[in-house]
Amino acid sequence: MNKEILVEWNPHWNKEAGAKLVERELLKDIEQWLERKEILGFIGVRRSGKTTLMSILISRLSSKLPPKNILFVKCDDDRVQKENLIDDAIKSYRELINPEGRIFVFIDEVQEVDNWENTLKRIYDLEKDMKLIISGSNFSMLKEDFSHRLAGRIAYFEVYPLSFREFLKTRLNIEDKISAFSKKDEIKHYLFEYMELGGFPEVVLENNPAIKKQLLQFYFDTIIYRDIIKKRGIRNAAKMEKMVNLLLQNISNPMNFSKVGKDISLSVDTVGDYAANLKDAYLVFNMPVFSFSVKAQEINPKKIYCIDSGIRNIKGFRFSLDYGRIAENIVFIELKRRNFSDPLSRIFYWHDKNQRETDFLLMNEFKISEAIQVCWDISQPEVKEREVEGLLCALNEFKLESGLIITEDYEGEEIIGDKRITYMPLWFWLMYPDNAIIQRT
């Protein structure tokens, strides 16, 4: 391949400073795997920070070993031939650099290269001193029919847009919980920004409000038209976008695919296929109702959530921001982020036969371990009564001692019978995963 392009991809060879990067909390988990042989795979929606993670790792590795022992390959560069790109890049790299010792090869957007799984398997099996680190924007990389050839050879990490904790580090210096409460008004100001514009790293670092929104529109268009419509050969692009807009307008609501199909004149099978494509691209997620019957989980309506509130707000038509829905969406994504590393962890919603609902049930090791409601404004007595009643039903059903209600600003605790209900502001819950509210005097 063109060696000038290879040099351009690898500015660290010449110790050139990179762009401003946002540190990611996932790094501490990833770094534990760097000395192992397994391939590391970063998967997630486009522009979520996978390339940034690679850049940070390259920078850290460059301080510990010769920078020229690190190769970065950009598979979505339209100047290079995709066929045999990985092999060609490694061959040209060796001709140009002739490195000695262990080599780290970073391969960005690997799904752009045909037959990438077999290529990586061969390299993994034959190259004993080569560590492969890949990224991709397709959930299908997790599926058995895509990754069975790499079974036992690859460890995946899901990369989401910035969490609120990561976002806030670009805005404020928060030393501890006491400091956080003293800056609560500032934190809430930035929470509203996060709820409106989301956590895509480039959007967060951009200062111009108009450009922020243009970036979000560009991301949406790229995901829909490049990652889904073009790659999947979807013929009716207008119907696909109409369906996406409908789903984004109704985040946190149970969605019946049969009704969605009738609304936009599509068969239920086509709606299901479109929804699977949206999930593969990490744009939307669905959450099943909890049932001890797997069949019931499959056939009952699933709640829909969006990868990022900024994307949702750009495309989901509304007259004003619905903070309640957005808060629930943010909580869902944060729960997925916190629980991805546990293969036995799952998230459900639940209701009893009288339709008293709990927003989130967390299952760990085949047992319901936590029940959570999200209620942005709990000031109205009838609203509070409804949310508490739904939560208590879940606590009794699953024999839990306590439950959590996440609010805009209300905090406190009450004992109802033998159950404890904790009320916690969203900003605090997002910042402190241990959920421990300090006593302030």
Protein backbone atom coordinates (compact mmCIF):
# COMPACT_ATOMS: atom_id res chain seq x y z
CA MET A 1 0.00 0.00 0.00
CA ASN A 2 0.97 3.68 -0.22
CA LYS A 3 3.59 4.21 2.49
CA GLU A 4 2.88 7.96 2.66
CA ILE A 5 -0.65 7.18 3.81
CA LEU A 6 0.76 4.74 6.36
CA VAL A 7 3.03 7.46 7.78
CA GLU A 8 0.09 9.89 7.83
CA TRP A 9 -1.93 7.40 9.89
CA ASN A 10 0.90 7.10 12.44
CA PRO A 11 2.01 10.59 13.57
CA HIS A 12 3.34 9.09 16.82
CA TRP A 13 6.28 7.69 14.82
CA ASN A 14 7.52 11.27 14.55
CA LYS A 15 6.35 12.20 18.06
CA GLU A 16 3.77 14.63 16.71
CA ALA A 17 1.23 15.89 19.26
CA GLY A 18 -2.31 14.70 18.70
CA ALA A 19 -5.63 16.49 19.09
CA LYS A 20 -7.20 17.20 22.48
CA LEU A 21 -8.59 13.95 23.88
CA VAL A 22 -11.15 13.17 26.58
CA GLU A 23 -9.91 10.56 29.05
CA ARG A 24 -12.24 7.55 29.26
CA GLU A 25 -13.04 5.56 32.40
CA LEU A 26 -12.98 2.35 30.36
CA LEU A 27 -9.20 2.66 30.02
CA LYS A 28 -8.49 1.14 33.43
CA ASP A 29 -10.30 -2.05 32.39
CA ILE A 30 -8.67 -2.17 28.96
CA GLU A 31 -5.12 -1.69 30.23
CA GLN A 32 -5.38 -4.91 32.26
CA TRP A 33 -5.54 -6.78 28.94
CA LEU A 34 -2.60 -5.17 27.14
CA GLU A 35 -0.03 -7.74 28.25
CA ARG A 36 -2.27 -10.66 27.34
CA LYS A 37 -2.38 -12.29 23.92
CA GLU A 38 -6.11 -11.87 23.24
CA ILE A 39 -7.32 -9.48 20.55
CA LEU A 40 -9.06 -6.45 22.07
CA GLY A 41 -12.22 -5.30 20.30
CA PHE A 42 -13.87 -1.90 20.81
CA ILE A 43 -17.43 -1.79 19.50
CA GLY A 44 -20.02 0.97 19.56
CA VAL A 45 -21.83 3.63 17.60
CA ARG A 46 -19.85 5.80 15.18
CA ARG A 47 -18.07 8.78 16.76
CA SER A 48 -18.50 7.44 20.30
CA GLY A 49 -14.76 7.62 21.01
CA LYS A 50 -13.36 4.27 19.87
CA THR A 51 -10.62 5.95 17.85
CA THR A 52 -9.95 8.28 20.78
CA LEU A 53 -9.45 5.26 23.04
CA MET A 54 -6.95 3.90 20.54
CA SER A 55 -5.14 7.24 20.39
CA ILE A 56 -4.86 7.41 24.18
CA LEU A 57 -3.55 3.84 24.32
CA ILE A 58 -1.04 4.62 21.56
CA SER A 59 0.14 7.66 23.51
CA ARG A 60 0.56 5.67 26.73
CA LEU A 61 2.29 2.78 24.99
CA SER A 62 4.64 5.21 23.22
CA SER A 63 6.05 6.20 26.60
CA LYS A 64 6.89 2.57 27.42
CA LEU A 65 8.19 1.15 24.12
CA PRO A 66 9.52 2.47 20.80
CA PRO A 67 6.68 4.43 19.10
CA LYS A 68 7.50 2.70 15.81
CA ASN A 69 6.50 -0.62 17.38
CA ILE A 70 2.92 0.65 17.20
CA LEU A 71 0.95 0.54 13.93
CA PHE A 72 -2.41 2.23 13.34
CA VAL A 73 -4.52 1.13 10.35
CA LYS A 74 -7.54 3.21 9.30
CA CYS A 75 -9.88 0.87 7.43
CA ASP A 76 -12.48 3.51 6.50
CA ASP A 77 -9.98 5.67 4.57
CA ASP A 78 -11.42 5.84 1.04
CA ARG A 79 -7.95 6.32 -0.49
CA VAL A 80 -6.96 2.70 0.09
CA GLN A 81 -8.16 -0.59 -1.35
CA LYS A 82 -10.14 -2.54 1.25
CA GLU A 83 -9.27 -5.98 -0.12
CA ASN A 84 -6.36 -7.43 1.85
CA LEU A 85 -5.89 -4.03 3.53
CA ILE A 86 -4.81 -5.46 6.90
CA ASP A 87 -2.20 -7.76 5.39
CA ASP A 88 -0.98 -5.05 3.00
CA ALA A 89 -0.64 -2.48 5.80
CA ILE A 90 1.36 -4.86 8.01
CA LYS A 91 3.60 -5.86 5.07
CA SER A 92 4.28 -2.22 4.14
CA TYR A 93 4.87 -1.35 7.80
CA ARG A 94 7.53 -4.05 8.12
CA GLU A 95 9.20 -2.94 4.89
CA LEU A 96 9.24 0.67 6.09
CA ILE A 97 10.06 0.26 9.79
CA ASN A 98 11.44 -3.27 10.29
CA PRO A 99 10.45 -3.24 13.99
CA GLU A 100 12.03 -5.48 16.61
CA GLY A 101 10.24 -6.95 19.61
CA ARG A 102 6.54 -6.91 20.40
CA ILE A 103 4.28 -5.00 18.01
CA PHE A 104 0.90 -3.41 18.77
CA VAL A 105 -1.39 -3.17 15.74
CA PHE A 106 -4.49 -0.95 16.04
CA ILE A 107 -7.11 -1.56 13.32
CA ASP A 108 -9.88 1.06 13.22
CA GLU A 109 -13.35 0.27 11.77
CA VAL A 110 -12.30 -3.28 10.93
CA GLN A 111 -15.75 -4.22 9.57
CA GLU A 112 -14.90 -2.21 6.42
CA VAL A 113 -12.56 -5.04 5.36
CA ASP A 114 -14.08 -8.22 3.93
CA ASN A 115 -13.23 -11.48 5.70
CA TRP A 116 -11.62 -9.60 8.58
CA GLU A 117 -12.33 -12.40 11.07
CA ASN A 118 -10.27 -14.96 9.16
CA THR A 119 -7.46 -12.46 8.65
CA LEU A 120 -7.28 -11.69 12.36
CA LYS A 121 -7.50 -15.37 13.31
CA ARG A 122 -4.54 -16.19 11.05
CA ILE A 123 -2.47 -13.29 12.41
CA TYR A 124 -3.36 -14.20 16.00
CA ASP A 125 -2.37 -17.83 15.50
CA LEU A 126 0.88 -17.16 13.59
CA GLU A 127 2.22 -13.86 14.96
CA LYS A 128 3.28 -14.58 18.54
CA ASP A 129 4.70 -11.08 19.19
CA MET A 130 1.82 -9.09 17.71
CA LYS A 131 -1.02 -7.65 19.82
CA LEU A 132 -4.15 -6.80 17.82
CA ILE A 133 -6.56 -4.06 18.95
CA ILE A 134 -9.57 -3.48 16.72
CA SER A 135 -12.64 -1.25 16.60
CA GLY A 136 -15.98 -1.58 14.83
CA SER A 137 -19.37 0.10 14.60
CA ASN A 138 -21.55 -2.97 14.23
CA PHE A 139 -23.28 -4.98 16.95
CA SER A 140 -23.19 -8.01 14.65
CA MET A 141 -19.49 -8.32 15.53
CA LEU A 142 -20.75 -9.78 18.81
CA LYS A 143 -22.97 -12.36 17.20
CA GLU A 144 -21.96 -16.00 16.89
CA ASP A 145 -22.13 -16.05 13.10
CA PHE A 146 -19.61 -13.19 12.94
CA SER A 147 -17.25 -14.00 15.80
CA HIS A 148 -17.22 -17.80 16.15
CA ARG A 149 -13.92 -17.95 14.25
CA LEU A 150 -12.39 -15.75 16.97
CA ALA A 151 -13.89 -17.62 19.91
CA GLY A 152 -11.45 -17.62 22.81
CA ARG A 153 -9.21 -15.16 20.99
CA ILE A 154 -11.00 -11.83 21.46
CA ALA A 155 -12.24 -9.70 24.38
CA TYR A 156 -14.87 -7.09 23.51
CA PHE A 157 -15.46 -3.71 25.14
CA GLU A 158 -18.53 -1.59 24.38
CA VAL A 159 -17.71 2.10 23.90
CA TYR A 160 -20.57 4.52 24.52
CA PRO A 161 -20.64 8.30 24.12
CA LEU A 162 -19.28 10.10 27.20
CA SER A 163 -20.92 9.35 30.51
CA PHE A 164 -22.04 12.36 32.53
CA ARG A 165 -19.00 11.88 34.78
CA GLU A 166 -16.66 12.01 31.76
CA PHE A 167 -18.59 14.94 30.28
CA LEU A 168 -18.44 16.91 33.53
CA LYS A 169 -14.65 16.56 33.70
CA THR A 170 -14.48 18.74 30.57
CA ARG A 171 -16.45 21.46 32.38
CA LEU A 172 -15.74 21.39 36.14
CA ASN A 173 -13.18 20.21 38.67
CA ILE A 174 -15.04 18.12 41.27
CA GLU A 175 -12.77 16.79 44.02
CA ASP A 176 -15.22 14.81 46.18
CA LYS A 177 -18.88 14.51 47.16
CA ILE A 178 -18.74 17.53 49.46
CA SER A 179 -17.31 19.58 46.61
CA ALA A 180 -20.05 18.24 44.34
CA PHE A 181 -22.84 19.42 46.62
CA SER A 182 -21.22 22.85 46.95
CA LYS A 183 -21.29 23.10 43.13
CA LYS A 184 -24.72 21.56 42.69
CA ASP A 185 -26.17 24.48 40.74
CA GLU A 186 -23.29 24.41 38.26
CA ILE A 187 -23.53 20.64 37.93
CA LYS A 188 -27.27 20.87 37.22
CA HIS A 189 -26.61 23.53 34.59
CA TYR A 190 -24.27 21.15 32.80
CA LEU A 191 -26.68 18.24 33.30
CA PHE A 192 -29.27 20.14 31.26
CA GLU A 193 -26.64 20.69 28.55
CA TYR A 194 -25.86 16.97 28.60
CA MET A 195 -29.55 16.09 28.42
CA GLU A 196 -30.05 18.33 25.40
CA LEU A 197 -26.87 17.72 23.38
CA GLY A 198 -25.63 14.36 24.65
CA GLY A 199 -22.13 13.00 25.07
CA PHE A 200 -20.52 12.44 21.68
CA PRO A 201 -16.92 13.55 22.36
CA GLU A 202 -16.54 15.89 19.38
CA VAL A 203 -19.89 17.54 20.17
CA VAL A 204 -18.88 18.00 23.82
CA LEU A 205 -15.57 19.64 22.87
CA GLU A 206 -17.11 21.92 20.21
CA ASN A 207 -17.87 25.44 21.48
CA ASN A 208 -20.21 26.62 18.71
CA PRO A 209 -23.84 25.62 19.50
CA ALA A 210 -24.84 25.58 15.83
CA ILE A 211 -21.95 23.30 14.90
CA LYS A 212 -22.84 20.95 17.79
CA LYS A 213 -26.27 20.39 16.25
CA GLN A 214 -24.84 20.07 12.74
CA LEU A 215 -22.47 17.37 13.99
CA LEU A 216 -25.36 15.45 15.54
CA GLN A 217 -27.30 15.64 12.27
CA PHE A 218 -24.21 14.46 10.38
CA TYR A 219 -23.76 11.51 12.76
CA PHE A 220 -27.39 10.51 12.34
CA ASP A 221 -27.23 10.71 8.55
CA THR A 222 -24.00 8.69 8.45
CA ILE A 223 -25.41 5.95 10.66
CA ILE A 224 -28.71 5.71 8.78
CA TYR A 225 -27.56 6.11 5.20
CA ARG A 226 -24.05 4.64 5.28
CA ASP A 227 -24.13 2.03 8.03
CA ILE A 228 -27.68 0.79 7.48
CA ILE A 229 -29.40 1.75 4.22
CA LYS A 230 -26.36 1.39 1.94
CA LYS A 231 -24.75 -1.63 3.60
CA ARG A 232 -28.00 -3.54 4.14
CA GLY A 233 -29.41 -2.71 0.72
CA ILE A 234 -32.60 -1.18 2.13
CA ARG A 235 -34.71 -0.03 -0.79
CA ASN A 236 -37.15 2.27 0.96
CA ALA A 237 -34.92 4.82 2.66
CA ALA A 238 -37.84 7.18 3.36
CA LYS A 239 -39.75 4.50 5.29
CA MET A 240 -36.63 3.61 7.27
CA GLU A 241 -36.08 7.22 8.34
CA LYS A 242 -39.77 7.63 9.12
CA MET A 243 -39.61 4.59 11.39
CA VAL A 244 -36.48 5.88 13.14
CA ASN A 245 -38.14 9.23 13.79
CA LEU A 246 -41.21 7.46 15.18
CA LEU A 247 -39.08 5.36 17.54
CA LEU A 248 -37.07 8.36 18.73
CA GLN A 249 -40.24 10.33 19.43
CA ASN A 250 -41.37 7.50 21.69
CA ILE A 251 -38.26 6.64 23.69
CA SER A 252 -39.04 4.92 27.00
CA ASN A 253 -42.43 3.76 25.71
CA PRO A 254 -43.27 0.11 25.00
CA MET A 255 -43.44 -0.24 21.22
CA ASN A 256 -45.63 -2.73 19.38
CA PHE A 257 -43.97 -3.49 16.03
CA SER A 258 -47.30 -4.47 14.50
CA LYS A 259 -48.73 -1.03 15.30
CA VAL A 260 -45.55 0.69 14.08
CA GLY A 261 -45.89 -1.21 10.80
CA LYS A 262 -49.50 -0.08 10.36
CA ASP A 263 -48.55 3.54 11.10
CA ILE A 264 -45.93 3.62 8.33
CA SER A 265 -47.35 0.94 5.98
CA LEU A 266 -44.71 -1.73 6.53
CA SER A 267 -45.07 -5.40 7.37
CA VAL A 268 -44.25 -6.43 10.92
CA ASP A 269 -41.37 -8.55 9.60
CA THR A 270 -39.87 -5.54 7.81
CA VAL A 271 -40.25 -3.42 10.95
CA GLY A 272 -38.44 -6.14 12.89
CA ASP A 273 -35.64 -6.26 10.31
CA TYR A 274 -35.27 -2.47 10.38
CA ALA A 275 -35.19 -2.48 14.19
CA ALA A 276 -32.48 -5.16 14.16
CA ASN A 277 -30.42 -3.02 11.79
CA LEU A 278 -30.79 0.00 14.09
CA LYS A 279 -29.62 -2.12 17.03
CA ASP A 280 -26.67 -3.47 15.02
CA ALA A 281 -25.60 0.12 14.33
CA TYR A 282 -25.91 0.96 18.06
CA LEU A 283 -28.46 3.70 17.36
CA VAL A 284 -31.35 2.27 19.38
CA PHE A 285 -31.80 -0.45 21.98
CA ASN A 286 -34.86 -2.35 23.11
CA MET A 287 -35.60 -3.53 26.63
CA PRO A 288 -37.96 -6.46 27.26
CA VAL A 289 -40.54 -6.78 29.98
CA PHE A 290 -39.46 -9.17 32.74
CA SER A 291 -41.14 -12.54 32.72
CA PHE A 292 -40.08 -15.98 33.84
CA SER A 293 -41.19 -17.06 30.35
CA VAL A 294 -38.62 -16.31 27.64
CA LYS A 295 -41.41 -16.49 25.05
CA ALA A 296 -43.36 -13.80 26.92
CA GLN A 297 -40.27 -11.59 26.94
CA GLU A 298 -40.00 -12.00 23.16
CA ILE A 299 -43.63 -11.39 22.17
CA ASN A 300 -44.50 -8.53 24.55
CA PRO A 301 -43.81 -4.90 23.54
CA LYS A 302 -40.29 -3.71 24.26
CA LYS A 303 -39.27 -0.27 25.43
CA ILE A 304 -37.09 1.71 23.03
CA TYR A 305 -34.07 3.81 24.01
CA CYS A 306 -31.56 5.85 22.00
CA ILE A 307 -27.76 5.68 22.27
CA ASP A 308 -27.52 9.43 22.92
CA SER A 309 -29.97 12.12 24.01
CA GLY A 310 -28.43 14.61 21.55
CA ILE A 311 -29.23 12.35 18.58
CA ARG A 312 -32.72 11.78 19.93
CA ASN A 313 -33.41 15.49 20.36
CA ILE A 314 -32.15 16.34 16.88
CA LYS A 315 -34.46 13.80 15.21
CA GLY A 316 -37.32 13.14 17.61
CA PHE A 317 -39.94 15.81 16.79
CA ARG A 318 -41.12 17.71 19.85
CA PHE A 319 -42.30 21.16 20.88
CA SER A 320 -40.08 21.18 23.97
CA LEU A 321 -37.62 18.87 25.69
CA ASP A 322 -39.36 16.09 27.60
CA TYR A 323 -36.95 15.85 30.51
CA GLY A 324 -38.72 12.85 32.02
CA ARG A 325 -38.23 10.71 28.92
CA ILE A 326 -34.69 11.96 28.40
CA ALA A 327 -33.79 11.23 32.04
CA GLU A 328 -35.09 7.67 31.70
CA ASN A 329 -33.12 7.24 28.46
CA ILE A 330 -29.93 8.44 30.14
CA VAL A 331 -30.47 6.07 33.08
CA PHE A 332 -30.94 3.12 30.71
CA ILE A 333 -27.71 3.85 28.81
CA GLU A 334 -25.81 4.32 32.08
CA LEU A 335 -27.11 0.99 33.39
CA LYS A 336 -25.90 -0.71 30.21
CA ARG A 337 -22.54 1.02 30.55
CA ARG A 338 -22.13 -0.08 34.17
CA ASN A 339 -23.20 -3.67 33.59
CA PHE A 340 -21.62 -4.57 30.23
CA SER A 341 -18.69 -6.41 31.77
CA ASP A 342 -21.02 -8.80 33.60
CA PRO A 343 -22.28 -11.44 31.13
CA LEU A 344 -25.01 -12.50 33.57
CA SER A 345 -26.43 -8.98 33.93
CA ARG A 346 -29.65 -7.97 32.17
CA ILE A 347 -32.08 -5.03 32.32
CA PHE A 348 -35.89 -5.26 32.14
CA TYR A 349 -38.98 -3.21 32.79
CA TRP A 350 -41.85 -4.82 34.69
CA HIS A 351 -45.51 -4.43 35.50
CA ASP A 352 -47.99 -6.47 37.46
CA LYS A 353 -51.40 -7.64 36.23
CA ASN A 354 -52.86 -4.26 37.25
CA GLN A 355 -50.29 -2.46 35.07
CA ARG A 356 -48.43 -0.98 38.04
CA GLU A 357 -45.03 -0.46 36.46
CA THR A 358 -41.37 -0.34 37.48
CA ASP A 359 -39.04 1.33 34.98
CA PHE A 360 -35.98 -0.87 35.53
CA LEU A 361 -35.27 -4.26 37.05
CA LEU A 362 -31.63 -5.36 37.19
CA MET A 363 -30.89 -9.05 37.02
CA ASN A 364 -27.52 -10.34 38.22
CA GLU A 365 -26.63 -14.04 38.32
CA PHE A 366 -30.21 -15.03 37.39
CA LYS A 367 -31.74 -13.06 40.26
CA ILE A 368 -33.46 -9.67 40.35
CA SER A 369 -31.12 -7.51 42.43
CA GLU A 370 -32.40 -3.95 42.06
CA ALA A 371 -35.56 -2.01 41.19
CA ILE A 372 -35.43 1.59 39.93
CA GLN A 373 -38.02 4.21 39.02
CA VAL A 374 -37.21 7.42 37.14
CA CYS A 375 -39.53 10.34 37.94
CA TRP A 376 -38.25 13.76 36.95
CA ASP A 377 -40.88 15.78 38.84
CA ILE A 378 -42.17 14.08 41.95
CA SER A 379 -43.75 17.18 43.50
CA GLN A 380 -47.34 16.20 42.65
CA PRO A 381 -48.80 13.84 45.30
CA GLU A 382 -50.60 11.66 42.74
CA VAL A 383 -47.39 11.26 40.70
CA LYS A 384 -45.37 10.31 43.76
CA GLU A 385 -48.05 7.86 44.87
CA ARG A 386 -48.07 6.17 41.44
CA GLU A 387 -44.27 5.84 41.30
CA VAL A 388 -43.98 4.55 44.86
CA GLU A 389 -46.81 2.07 44.35
CA GLY A 390 -45.19 0.65 41.21
CA LEU A 391 -41.84 0.34 42.97
CA LEU A 392 -43.33 -1.30 46.07
CA CYS A 393 -45.08 -3.87 43.89
CA ALA A 394 -41.71 -4.85 42.41
CA LEU A 395 -40.00 -4.93 45.82
CA ASN A 396 -42.67 -7.26 47.16
CA GLU A 397 -42.77 -9.44 44.03
CA PHE A 398 -39.01 -9.98 43.94
CA LYS A 399 -38.41 -9.93 47.71
CA LEU A 400 -36.15 -6.86 47.69
CA GLU A 401 -35.59 -4.79 50.82
CA SER A 402 -35.12 -1.42 49.13
CA GLY A 403 -35.71 0.47 45.90
CA LEU A 404 -34.57 3.68 44.23
CA ILE A 405 -36.46 6.59 42.67
CA ILE A 406 -34.29 8.90 40.55
CA THR A 407 -35.57 12.48 40.42
CA GLU A 408 -34.58 15.90 39.13
CA ASP A 409 -33.61 17.35 42.50
CA TYR A 410 -35.47 15.63 45.32
CA GLU A 411 -33.45 13.52 47.73
CA GLY A 412 -34.46 11.66 50.83
CA GLU A 413 -35.53 8.34 52.23
CA GLU A 414 -38.70 6.86 53.64
CA ILE A 415 -39.66 3.55 55.18
CA ILE A 416 -42.95 2.03 54.03
CA GLY A 417 -43.76 -1.12 55.92
CA ASP A 418 -40.58 -3.18 55.77
CA LYS A 419 -39.33 -1.50 52.56
CA ARG A 420 -36.93 1.40 52.20
CA ILE A 421 -37.40 3.91 49.35
CA THR A 422 -34.45 6.15 48.48
CA TYR A 423 -34.94 9.31 46.41
CA MET A 424 -31.84 10.48 44.57
CA PRO A 425 -31.17 13.35 42.12
CA LEU A 426 -30.18 12.22 38.64
CA TRP A 427 -26.94 14.22 38.65
CA PHE A 428 -25.78 12.48 41.85
CA TRP A 429 -26.73 9.00 40.66
CA LEU A 430 -24.81 9.56 37.42
CA MET A 431 -21.72 10.88 39.20
CA TYR A 432 -21.47 8.30 41.97
CA PRO A 433 -22.17 4.68 41.01
CA ASP A 434 -21.92 3.59 44.66
CA ASN A 435 -25.18 5.54 45.21
CA ALA A 436 -24.05 6.56 48.70
CA ILE A 437 -25.41 9.98 49.65
CA ILE A 438 -23.24 11.66 52.26
CA GLN A 439 -24.60 13.28 55.39
CA ARG A 440 -24.17 17.05 55.08
CA THR A 441 -24.28 19.49 57.96
